[in-house]
């Protein structure tokens, strides 16, 4: 179960990071908009968390950085989803063996 919990926290983190990147791109033309950063860190009990903060970067939203952030979040989401699928498959195989 720990693997699934860790992967679920990774899914949530990836979704948050993708949402932050999308928000930054969507608001790049908004006057006085402050770019946001999604800061990911490990939790002591396992998994990860993401804090959304105002960016220290100056000069507006860098679209290239946001595209890279969105792509990275997408790959992270897929990787964590693969962990959940593998864990479910292992659990099913274990049940089949015991049956």
PDB file of N, CA and C in Angstrom:
ATOM      1  N   UNK A   1       0.815  -1.208   0.000  1.00  0.00           N
ATOM      2  CA  UNK A   1       0.000   0.000   0.000  1.00  0.00           C
ATOM      3  C   UNK A   1       0.853   1.265   0.000  1.00  0.00           C
ATOM      4  N   UNK A   2       2.040   1.189   0.587  1.00  0.00           N
ATOM      5  CA  UNK A   2       2.902   2.373   0.638  1.00  0.00           C
ATOM      6  C   UNK A   2       3.257   2.846  -0.772  1.00  0.00           C
ATOM      7  N   UNK A   3       3.493   1.889  -1.678  1.00  0.00           N
ATOM      8  CA  UNK A   3       3.827   2.258  -3.055  1.00  0.00           C
ATOM      9  C   UNK A   3       2.674   3.016  -3.699  1.00  0.00           C
ATOM     10  N   UNK A   4       1.458   2.556  -3.456  1.00  0.00           N
ATOM     11  CA  UNK A   4       0.292   3.238  -4.032  1.00  0.00           C
ATOM     12  C   UNK A   4       0.128   4.626  -3.421  1.00  0.00           C
ATOM     13  N   UNK A   5       0.297   4.737  -2.113  1.00  0.00           N
ATOM     14  CA  UNK A   5       0.184   6.052  -1.471  1.00  0.00           C
ATOM     15  C   UNK A   5       1.238   7.020  -1.997  1.00  0.00           C
ATOM     16  N   UNK A   6       2.461   6.528  -2.165  1.00  0.00           N
ATOM     17  CA  UNK A   6       3.516   7.383  -2.715  1.00  0.00           C
ATOM     18  C   UNK A   6       3.188   7.801  -4.145  1.00  0.00           C
ATOM     19  N   UNK A   7       2.701   6.847  -4.941  1.00  0.00           N
ATOM     20  CA  UNK A   7       2.351   7.156  -6.323  1.00  0.00           C
ATOM     21  C   UNK A   7       1.175   8.127  -6.397  1.00  0.00           C
ATOM     22  N   UNK A   8       0.196   7.970  -5.511  1.00  0.00           N
ATOM     23  CA  UNK A   8      -0.937   8.906  -5.493  1.00  0.00           C
ATOM     24  C   UNK A   8      -0.483  10.320  -5.154  1.00  0.00           C
ATOM     25  N   UNK A   9       0.441  10.439  -4.213  1.00  0.00           N
ATOM     26  CA  UNK A   9       0.944  11.777  -3.897  1.00  0.00           C
ATOM     27  C   UNK A   9       1.704  12.335  -5.095  1.00  0.00           C
ATOM     28  N   UNK A  10       2.396  11.468  -5.831  1.00  0.00           N
ATOM     29  CA  UNK A  10       3.082  11.898  -7.049  1.00  0.00           C
ATOM     30  C   UNK A  10       2.113  12.340  -8.130  1.00  0.00           C
ATOM     31  N   UNK A  11       0.987  11.615  -8.260  1.00  0.00           N
ATOM     32  CA  UNK A  11      -0.051  12.019  -9.218  1.00  0.00           C
ATOM     33  C   UNK A  11      -0.596  13.400  -8.876  1.00  0.00           C
ATOM     34  N   UNK A  12      -0.899  13.607  -7.610  1.00  0.00           N
ATOM     35  CA  UNK A  12      -1.419  14.910  -7.178  1.00  0.00           C
ATOM     36  C   UNK A  12      -0.394  16.016  -7.400  1.00  0.00           C
ATOM     37  N   UNK A  13       0.866  15.722  -7.118  1.00  0.00           N
ATOM     38  CA  UNK A  13       1.922  16.719  -7.316  1.00  0.00           C
ATOM     39  C   UNK A  13       2.059  17.071  -8.794  1.00  0.00           C
ATOM     40  N   UNK A  14       2.036  16.060  -9.645  1.00  0.00           N
ATOM     41  CA  UNK A  14       2.153  16.304 -11.082  1.00  0.00           C
ATOM     42  C   UNK A  14       0.971  17.119 -11.597  1.00  0.00           C
ATOM     43  N   UNK A  15      -0.225  16.805 -11.120  1.00  0.00           N
ATOM     44  CA  UNK A  15      -1.413  17.556 -11.536  1.00  0.00           C
ATOM     45  C   UNK A  15      -1.315  19.014 -11.099  1.00  0.00           C
ATOM     46  N   UNK A  16      -0.822  19.248  -9.898  1.00  0.00           N
ATOM     47  CA  UNK A  16      -0.653  20.620  -9.410  1.00  0.00           C
ATOM     48  C   UNK A  16       0.382  21.358 -10.246  1.00  0.00           C
ATOM     49  N   UNK A  17       1.496  20.697 -10.542  1.00  0.00           N
ATOM     50  CA  UNK A  17       2.545  21.347 -11.334  1.00  0.00           C
ATOM     51  C   UNK A  17       2.053  21.679 -12.740  1.00  0.00           C
ATOM     52  N   UNK A  18       1.257  20.790 -13.329  1.00  0.00           N
ATOM     53  CA  UNK A  18       0.684  21.054 -14.645  1.00  0.00           C
ATOM     54  C   UNK A  18      -0.288  22.230 -14.581  1.00  0.00           C
ATOM     55  N   UNK A  19      -1.113  22.275 -13.549  1.00  0.00           N
ATOM     56  CA  UNK A  19      -2.077  23.372 -13.386  1.00  0.00           C
ATOM     57  C   UNK A  19      -1.367  24.711 -13.205  1.00  0.00           C
ATOM     58  N   UNK A  20      -0.266  24.720 -12.470  1.00  0.00           N
ATOM     59  CA  UNK A  20       0.492  25.961 -12.260  1.00  0.00           C
ATOM     60  C   UNK A  20       1.079  26.446 -13.584  1.00  0.00           C
ATOM     61  N   UNK A  21       1.647  25.535 -14.362  1.00  0.00           N
ATOM     62  CA  UNK A  21       2.210  25.917 -15.660  1.00  0.00           C
ATOM     63  C   UNK A  21       1.123  26.477 -16.576  1.00  0.00           C
ATOM     64  N   UNK A  22      -0.035  25.823 -16.605  1.00  0.00           N
ATOM     65  CA  UNK A  22      -1.148  26.292 -17.438  1.00  0.00           C
ATOM     66  C   UNK A  22      -1.640  27.658 -16.981  1.00  0.00           C
ATOM     67  N   UNK A  23      -1.728  27.847 -15.680  1.00  0.00           N
ATOM     68  CA  UNK A  23      -2.160  29.128 -15.121  1.00  0.00           C
ATOM     69  C   UNK A  23      -1.187  30.243 -15.495  1.00  0.00           C
ATOM     70  N   UNK A  24       0.100  29.946 -15.427  1.00  0.00           N
ATOM     71  CA  UNK A  24       1.103  30.952 -15.784  1.00  0.00           C
ATOM     72  C   UNK A  24       0.981  31.365 -17.246  1.00  0.00           C
ATOM     73  N   UNK A  25       0.807  30.393 -18.136  1.00  0.00           N
ATOM     74  CA  UNK A  25       0.676  30.710 -19.559  1.00  0.00           C
ATOM     75  C   UNK A  25      -0.618  31.474 -19.816  1.00  0.00           C
ATOM     76  N   UNK A  26      -1.700  31.041 -19.189  1.00  0.00           N
ATOM     77  CA  UNK A  26      -3.000  31.689 -19.404  1.00  0.00           C
ATOM     78  C   UNK A  26      -3.011  33.133 -18.923  1.00  0.00           C
ATOM     79  N   UNK A  27      -2.216  33.438 -17.905  1.00  0.00           N
ATOM     80  CA  UNK A  27      -2.238  34.780 -17.316  1.00  0.00           C
ATOM     81  C   UNK A  27      -1.044  35.646 -17.694  1.00  0.00           C
ATOM     82  N   UNK A  28      -0.242  35.198 -18.654  1.00  0.00           N
ATOM     83  CA  UNK A  28       0.967  35.947 -18.979  1.00  0.00           C
ATOM     84  C   UNK A  28       0.690  37.371 -19.461  1.00  0.00           C
ATOM     85  N   UNK A  29      -0.489  37.614 -20.023  1.00  0.00           N
ATOM     86  CA  UNK A  29      -0.826  38.960 -20.499  1.00  0.00           C
ATOM     87  C   UNK A  29      -1.606  39.770 -19.473  1.00  0.00           C
ATOM     88  N   UNK A  30      -1.906  39.179 -18.342  1.00  0.00           N
ATOM     89  CA  UNK A  30      -2.658  39.865 -17.303  1.00  0.00           C
ATOM     90  C   UNK A  30      -1.764  40.899 -16.624  1.00  0.00           C
ATOM     91  N   UNK A  31      -2.209  42.155 -16.574  1.00  0.00           N
ATOM     92  CA  UNK A  31      -1.388  43.181 -15.918  1.00  0.00           C
ATOM     93  C   UNK A  31      -1.114  42.829 -14.456  1.00  0.00           C
ATOM     94  N   UNK A  32       0.101  43.054 -14.033  1.00  0.00           N
ATOM     95  CA  UNK A  32       0.554  42.825 -12.650  1.00  0.00           C
ATOM     96  C   UNK A  32       0.463  41.365 -12.205  1.00  0.00           C
ATOM     97  N   UNK A  33       0.392  40.444 -13.158  1.00  0.00           N
ATOM     98  CA  UNK A  33       0.356  39.023 -12.791  1.00  0.00           C
ATOM     99  C   UNK A  33       1.728  38.598 -12.284  1.00  0.00           C
ATOM    100  N   UNK A  34       1.736  37.866 -11.196  1.00  0.00           N
ATOM    101  CA  UNK A  34       2.976  37.315 -10.658  1.00  0.00           C
ATOM    102  C   UNK A  34       3.021  35.831 -10.977  1.00  0.00           C
ATOM    103  N   UNK A  35       4.053  35.444 -11.709  1.00  0.00           N
ATOM    104  CA  UNK A  35       4.231  34.034 -12.056  1.00  0.00           C
ATOM    105  C   UNK A  35       4.304  33.190 -10.795  1.00  0.00           C
ATOM    106  N   UNK A  36       3.761  31.981 -10.871  1.00  0.00           N
ATOM    107  CA  UNK A  36       3.782  31.049  -9.742  1.00  0.00           C
ATOM    108  C   UNK A  36       4.807  29.946 -10.005  1.00  0.00           C
ATOM    109  N   UNK A  37       5.336  29.395  -8.933  1.00  0.00           N
ATOM    110  CA  UNK A  37       6.222  28.236  -8.999  1.00  0.00           C
ATOM    111  C   UNK A  37       5.610  27.115  -8.175  1.00  0.00           C
ATOM    112  N   UNK A  38       5.704  25.903  -8.680  1.00  0.00           N
ATOM    113  CA  UNK A  38       5.288  24.716  -7.930  1.00  0.00           C
ATOM    114  C   UNK A  38       6.556  24.092  -7.359  1.00  0.00           C
ATOM    115  N   UNK A  39       6.692  24.150  -6.042  1.00  0.00           N
ATOM    116  CA  UNK A  39       7.894  23.658  -5.368  1.00  0.00           C
ATOM    117  C   UNK A  39       7.570  22.313  -4.726  1.00  0.00           C
ATOM    118  N   UNK A  40       8.214  21.271  -5.238  1.00  0.00           N
ATOM    119  CA  UNK A  40       7.946  19.910  -4.770  1.00  0.00           C
ATOM    120  C   UNK A  40       8.995  19.494  -3.752  1.00  0.00           C
ATOM    121  N   UNK A  41       8.540  18.809  -2.701  1.00  0.00           N
ATOM    122  CA  UNK A  41       9.468  18.308  -1.684  1.00  0.00           C
ATOM    123  C   UNK A  41       8.955  16.983  -1.132  1.00  0.00           C
ATOM    124  N   UNK A  42       9.885  16.217  -0.560  1.00  0.00           N
ATOM    125  CA  UNK A  42       9.537  14.918   0.012  1.00  0.00           C
ATOM    126  C   UNK A  42       8.850  15.105   1.354  1.00  0.00           C
ATOM    127  N   UNK A  43       7.886  14.228   1.626  1.00  0.00           N
ATOM    128  CA  UNK A  43       7.240  14.207   2.936  1.00  0.00           C
ATOM    129  C   UNK A  43       7.939  13.160   3.796  1.00  0.00           C
ATOM    130  N   UNK A  44       8.110  13.432   5.090  1.00  0.00           N
ATOM    131  CA  UNK A  44       8.800  12.474   5.967  1.00  0.00           C
ATOM    132  C   UNK A  44       8.135  11.096   5.998  1.00  0.00           C
ATOM    133  N   UNK A  45       6.817  11.056   5.880  1.00  0.00           N
ATOM    134  CA  UNK A  45       6.098   9.782   5.942  1.00  0.00           C
ATOM    135  C   UNK A  45       6.065   9.064   4.596  1.00  0.00           C
ATOM    136  N   UNK A  46       6.659   9.666   3.582  1.00  0.00           N
ATOM    137  CA  UNK A  46       6.689   9.091   2.244  1.00  0.00           C
ATOM    138  C   UNK A  46       5.870   9.919   1.280  1.00  0.00           C
ATOM    139  N   UNK A  47       6.185   9.813   0.027  1.00  0.00           N
ATOM    140  CA  UNK A  47       5.490  10.590  -0.988  1.00  0.00           C
ATOM    141  C   UNK A  47       6.053  11.996  -1.095  1.00  0.00           C
ATOM    142  N   UNK A  48       5.321  12.835  -1.796  1.00  0.00           N
ATOM    143  CA  UNK A  48       5.763  14.208  -2.029  1.00  0.00           C
ATOM    144  C   UNK A  48       4.619  15.180  -1.791  1.00  0.00           C
ATOM    145  N   UNK A  49       4.983  16.436  -1.642  1.00  0.00           N
ATOM    146  CA  UNK A  49       3.986  17.502  -1.557  1.00  0.00           C
ATOM    147  C   UNK A  49       4.453  18.636  -2.455  1.00  0.00           C
ATOM    148  N   UNK A  50       3.521  19.474  -2.848  1.00  0.00           N
ATOM    149  CA  UNK A  50       3.832  20.622  -3.696  1.00  0.00           C
ATOM    150  C   UNK A  50       3.259  21.868  -3.052  1.00  0.00           C
ATOM    151  N   UNK A  51       4.099  22.875  -2.927  1.00  0.00           N
ATOM    152  CA  UNK A  51       3.658  24.185  -2.464  1.00  0.00           C
ATOM    153  C   UNK A  51       3.689  25.131  -3.653  1.00  0.00           C
ATOM    154  N   UNK A  52       2.620  25.901  -3.831  1.00  0.00           N
ATOM    155  CA  UNK A  52       2.560  26.890  -4.903  1.00  0.00           C
ATOM    156  C   UNK A  52       2.918  28.236  -4.302  1.00  0.00           C
ATOM    157  N   UNK A  53       3.945  28.856  -4.876  1.00  0.00           N
ATOM    158  CA  UNK A  53       4.449  30.128  -4.354  1.00  0.00           C
ATOM    159  C   UNK A  53       4.600  31.134  -5.483  1.00  0.00           C
ATOM    160  N   UNK A  54       4.605  32.399  -5.107  1.00  0.00           N
ATOM    161  CA  UNK A  54       4.928  33.428  -6.085  1.00  0.00           C
ATOM    162  C   UNK A  54       6.381  33.268  -6.495  1.00  0.00           C
ATOM    163  N   UNK A  55       6.644  33.411  -7.781  1.00  0.00           N
ATOM    164  CA  UNK A  55       7.987  33.221  -8.307  1.00  0.00           C
ATOM    165  C   UNK A  55       8.879  34.415  -7.990  1.00  0.00           C
ATOM    166  N   UNK A  56      10.153  34.123  -7.815  1.00  0.00           N
ATOM    167  CA  UNK A  56      11.131  35.190  -7.625  1.00  0.00           C
ATOM    168  C   UNK A  56      11.633  35.703  -8.972  1.00  0.00           C
ATOM    169  N   UNK A  57      11.275  35.005 -10.047  1.00  0.00           N
ATOM    170  CA  UNK A  57      11.721  35.399 -11.388  1.00  0.00           C
ATOM    171  C   UNK A  57      11.115  36.742 -11.771  1.00  0.00           C
ATOM    172  N   UNK A  58      11.910  37.520 -12.457  1.00  0.00           N
ATOM    173  CA  UNK A  58      11.456  38.836 -12.903  1.00  0.00           C
ATOM    174  C   UNK A  58      11.332  38.817 -14.428  1.00  0.00           C
ATOM    175  N   UNK A  59      10.465  39.654 -14.951  1.00  0.00           N
ATOM    176  CA  UNK A  59      10.380  39.789 -16.394  1.00  0.00           C
ATOM    177  C   UNK A  59       9.234  39.035 -17.036  1.00  0.00           C
ATOM    178  N   UNK A  60       8.264  38.641 -16.271  1.00  0.00           N
ATOM    179  CA  UNK A  60       7.100  37.981 -16.845  1.00  0.00           C
ATOM    180  C   UNK A  60       7.267  36.481 -16.955  1.00  0.00           C
ATOM    181  N   UNK A  61       6.320  35.886 -17.656  1.00  0.00           N
ATOM    182  CA  UNK A  61       6.259  34.430 -17.784  1.00  0.00           C
ATOM    183  C   UNK A  61       7.112  33.982 -18.966  1.00  0.00           C
ATOM    184  N   UNK A  62       7.996  33.030 -18.727  1.00  0.00           N
ATOM    185  CA  UNK A  62       8.805  32.435 -19.790  1.00  0.00           C
ATOM    186  C   UNK A  62       8.049  31.219 -20.323  1.00  0.00           C
ATOM    187  N   UNK A  63       7.497  31.363 -21.533  1.00  0.00           N
ATOM    188  CA  UNK A  63       6.669  30.290 -22.098  1.00  0.00           C
ATOM    189  C   UNK A  63       7.434  28.989 -22.263  1.00  0.00           C
ATOM    190  N   UNK A  64       8.681  29.061 -22.679  1.00  0.00           N
ATOM    191  CA  UNK A  64       9.473  27.843 -22.890  1.00  0.00           C
ATOM    192  C   UNK A  64       9.614  27.063 -21.585  1.00  0.00           C
ATOM    193  N   UNK A  65       9.871  27.770 -20.503  1.00  0.00           N
ATOM    194  CA  UNK A  65       9.989  27.113 -19.198  1.00  0.00           C
ATOM    195  C   UNK A  65       8.674  26.462 -18.808  1.00  0.00           C
ATOM    196  N   UNK A  66       7.572  27.131 -19.080  1.00  0.00           N
ATOM    197  CA  UNK A  66       6.259  26.587 -18.723  1.00  0.00           C
ATOM    198  C   UNK A  66       5.926  25.346 -19.545  1.00  0.00           C
ATOM    199  N   UNK A  67       6.326  25.333 -20.815  1.00  0.00           N
ATOM    200  CA  UNK A  67       6.101  24.154 -21.657  1.00  0.00           C
ATOM    201  C   UNK A  67       6.909  22.971 -21.128  1.00  0.00           C
ATOM    202  N   UNK A  68       8.157  23.225 -20.750  1.00  0.00           N
ATOM    203  CA  UNK A  68       8.994  22.163 -20.174  1.00  0.00           C
ATOM    204  C   UNK A  68       8.390  21.677 -18.859  1.00  0.00           C
ATOM    205  N   UNK A  69       7.939  22.602 -18.017  1.00  0.00           N
ATOM    206  CA  UNK A  69       7.315  22.219 -16.742  1.00  0.00           C
ATOM    207  C   UNK A  69       6.072  21.359 -16.971  1.00  0.00           C
ATOM    208  N   UNK A  70       5.265  21.737 -17.955  1.00  0.00           N
ATOM    209  CA  UNK A  70       4.046  20.979 -18.254  1.00  0.00           C
ATOM    210  C   UNK A  70       4.387  19.583 -18.778  1.00  0.00           C
ATOM    211  N   UNK A  71       5.375  19.495 -19.657  1.00  0.00           N
ATOM    212  CA  UNK A  71       5.776  18.191 -20.198  1.00  0.00           C
ATOM    213  C   UNK A  71       6.338  17.297 -19.098  1.00  0.00           C
ATOM    214  N   UNK A  72       7.166  17.871 -18.230  1.00  0.00           N
ATOM    215  CA  UNK A  72       7.740  17.106 -17.121  1.00  0.00           C
ATOM    216  C   UNK A  72       6.641  16.594 -16.200  1.00  0.00           C
ATOM    217  N   UNK A  73       5.676  17.447 -15.897  1.00  0.00           N
ATOM    218  CA  UNK A  73       4.563  17.038 -15.036  1.00  0.00           C
ATOM    219  C   UNK A  73       3.770  15.902 -15.679  1.00  0.00           C
ATOM    220  N   UNK A  74       3.584  15.973 -16.988  1.00  0.00           N
ATOM    221  CA  UNK A  74       2.854  14.926 -17.702  1.00  0.00           C
ATOM    222  C   UNK A  74       3.591  13.589 -17.619  1.00  0.00           C
ATOM    223  N   UNK A  75       4.907  13.617 -17.832  1.00  0.00           N
ATOM    224  CA  UNK A  75       5.698  12.380 -17.738  1.00  0.00           C
ATOM    225  C   UNK A  75       5.700  11.837 -16.310  1.00  0.00           C
ATOM    226  N   UNK A  76       5.791  12.730 -15.329  1.00  0.00           N
ATOM    227  CA  UNK A  76       5.735  12.293 -13.930  1.00  0.00           C
ATOM    228  C   UNK A  76       4.391  11.644 -13.616  1.00  0.00           C
ATOM    229  N   UNK A  77       3.322  12.219 -14.138  1.00  0.00           N
ATOM    230  CA  UNK A  77       1.984  11.661 -13.922  1.00  0.00           C
ATOM    231  C   UNK A  77       1.913  10.240 -14.484  1.00  0.00           C
ATOM    232  N   UNK A  78       2.396  10.081 -15.719  1.00  0.00           N
ATOM    233  CA  UNK A  78       2.366   8.762 -16.361  1.00  0.00           C
ATOM    234  C   UNK A  78       3.208   7.746 -15.589  1.00  0.00           C
ATOM    235  N   UNK A  79       4.362   8.168 -15.095  1.00  0.00           N
ATOM    236  CA  UNK A  79       5.232   7.263 -14.340  1.00  0.00           C
ATOM    237  C   UNK A  79       4.554   6.803 -13.052  1.00  0.00           C
ATOM    238  N   UNK A  80       3.929   7.724 -12.347  1.00  0.00           N
ATOM    239  CA  UNK A  80       3.240   7.359 -11.108  1.00  0.00           C
ATOM    240  C   UNK A  80       2.024   6.479 -11.382  1.00  0.00           C
ATOM    241  N   UNK A  81       1.357   6.725 -12.476  1.00  0.00           N
ATOM    242  CA  UNK A  81       0.233   5.875 -12.861  1.00  0.00           C
ATOM    243  C   UNK A  81       0.715   4.454 -13.162  1.00  0.00           C
ATOM    244  N   UNK A  82       1.884   4.328 -13.772  1.00  0.00           N
ATOM    245  CA  UNK A  82       2.463   3.006 -14.039  1.00  0.00           C
ATOM    246  C   UNK A  82       2.758   2.255 -12.747  1.00  0.00           C
ATOM    247  N   UNK A  83       3.206   2.971 -11.725  1.00  0.00           N
ATOM    248  CA  UNK A  83       3.460   2.345 -10.424  1.00  0.00           C
ATOM    249  C   UNK A  83       2.161   1.779  -9.854  1.00  0.00           C
ATOM    250  N   UNK A  84       1.096   2.548  -9.940  1.00  0.00           N
ATOM    251  CA  UNK A  84      -0.198   2.088  -9.419  1.00  0.00           C
ATOM    252  C   UNK A  84      -0.685   0.860 -10.191  1.00  0.00           C
ATOM    253  N   UNK A  85      -0.551   0.895 -11.513  1.00  0.00           N
ATOM    254  CA  UNK A  85      -0.964  -0.259 -12.319  1.00  0.00           C
ATOM    255  C   UNK A  85      -0.143  -1.498 -11.967  1.00  0.00           C
ATOM    256  N   UNK A  86       1.161  -1.330 -11.796  1.00  0.00           N
ATOM    257  CA  UNK A  86       2.025  -2.466 -11.451  1.00  0.00           C
ATOM    258  C   UNK A  86       1.669  -3.026 -10.079  1.00  0.00           C
ATOM    259  N   UNK A  87       1.414  -2.146  -9.120  1.00  0.00           N
ATOM    260  CA  UNK A  87       1.037  -2.588  -7.773  1.00  0.00           C
ATOM    261  C   UNK A  87      -0.288  -3.346  -7.806  1.00  0.00           C
ATOM    262  N   UNK A  88      -1.235  -2.860  -8.579  1.00  0.00           N
ATOM    263  CA  UNK A  88      -2.522  -3.554  -8.708  1.00  0.00           C
ATOM    264  C   UNK A  88      -2.349  -4.925  -9.358  1.00  0.00           C
ATOM    265  N   UNK A  89      -1.490  -5.001 -10.362  1.00  0.00           N
ATOM    266  CA  UNK A  89      -1.221  -6.282 -11.037  1.00  0.00           C
ATOM    267  C   UNK A  89      -0.580  -7.266 -10.068  1.00  0.00           C
ATOM    268  N   UNK A  90       0.388  -6.803  -9.284  1.00  0.00           N
ATOM    269  CA  UNK A  90       1.031  -7.673  -8.302  1.00  0.00           C
ATOM    270  C   UNK A  90       0.030  -8.168  -7.259  1.00  0.00           C
ATOM    271  N   UNK A  91      -0.842  -7.288  -6.820  1.00  0.00           N
ATOM    272  CA  UNK A  91      -1.868  -7.685  -5.845  1.00  0.00           C
ATOM    273  C   UNK A  91      -2.804  -8.726  -6.435  1.00  0.00           C
ATOM    274  N   UNK A  92      -3.191  -8.533  -7.682  1.00  0.00           N
ATOM    275  CA  UNK A  92      -4.074  -9.497  -8.351  1.00  0.00           C
ATOM    276  C   UNK A  92      -3.376 -10.843  -8.516  1.00  0.00           C
ATOM    277  N   UNK A  93      -2.101 -10.810  -8.908  1.00  0.00           N
ATOM    278  CA  UNK A  93      -1.343 -12.057  -9.054  1.00  0.00           C
ATOM    279  C   UNK A  93      -1.238 -12.790  -7.723  1.00  0.00           C
ATOM    280  N   UNK A  94      -1.042 -12.048  -6.649  1.00  0.00           N
ATOM    281  CA  UNK A  94      -0.958 -12.659  -5.323  1.00  0.00           C
ATOM    282  C   UNK A  94      -2.282 -13.320  -4.948  1.00  0.00           C
ATOM    283  N   UNK A  95      -3.374 -12.651  -5.250  1.00  0.00           N
ATOM    284  CA  UNK A  95      -4.693 -13.239  -4.982  1.00  0.00           C
ATOM    285  C   UNK A  95      -4.909 -14.508  -5.810  1.00  0.00           C
ATOM    286  N   UNK A  96      -4.452 -14.492  -7.060  1.00  0.00           N
ATOM    287  CA  UNK A  96      -4.585 -15.673  -7.917  1.00  0.00           C
ATOM    288  C   UNK A  96      -3.778 -16.847  -7.366  1.00  0.00           C
ATOM    289  N   UNK A  97      -2.597 -16.560  -6.827  1.00  0.00           N
ATOM    290  CA  UNK A  97      -1.749 -17.612  -6.266  1.00  0.00           C
ATOM    291  C   UNK A  97      -2.402 -18.219  -5.029  1.00  0.00           C
ATOM    292  N   UNK A  98      -2.994 -17.366  -4.194  1.00  0.00           N
ATOM    293  CA  UNK A  98      -3.624 -17.848  -2.957  1.00  0.00           C
ATOM    294  C   UNK A  98      -4.933 -18.581  -3.218  1.00  0.00           C
ATOM    295  N   UNK A  99      -5.553 -18.323  -4.353  1.00  0.00           N
ATOM    296  CA  UNK A  99      -6.867 -18.928  -4.650  1.00  0.00           C
ATOM    297  C   UNK A  99      -6.763 -20.387  -5.027  1.00  0.00           C
TER     298      UNK A  99
END
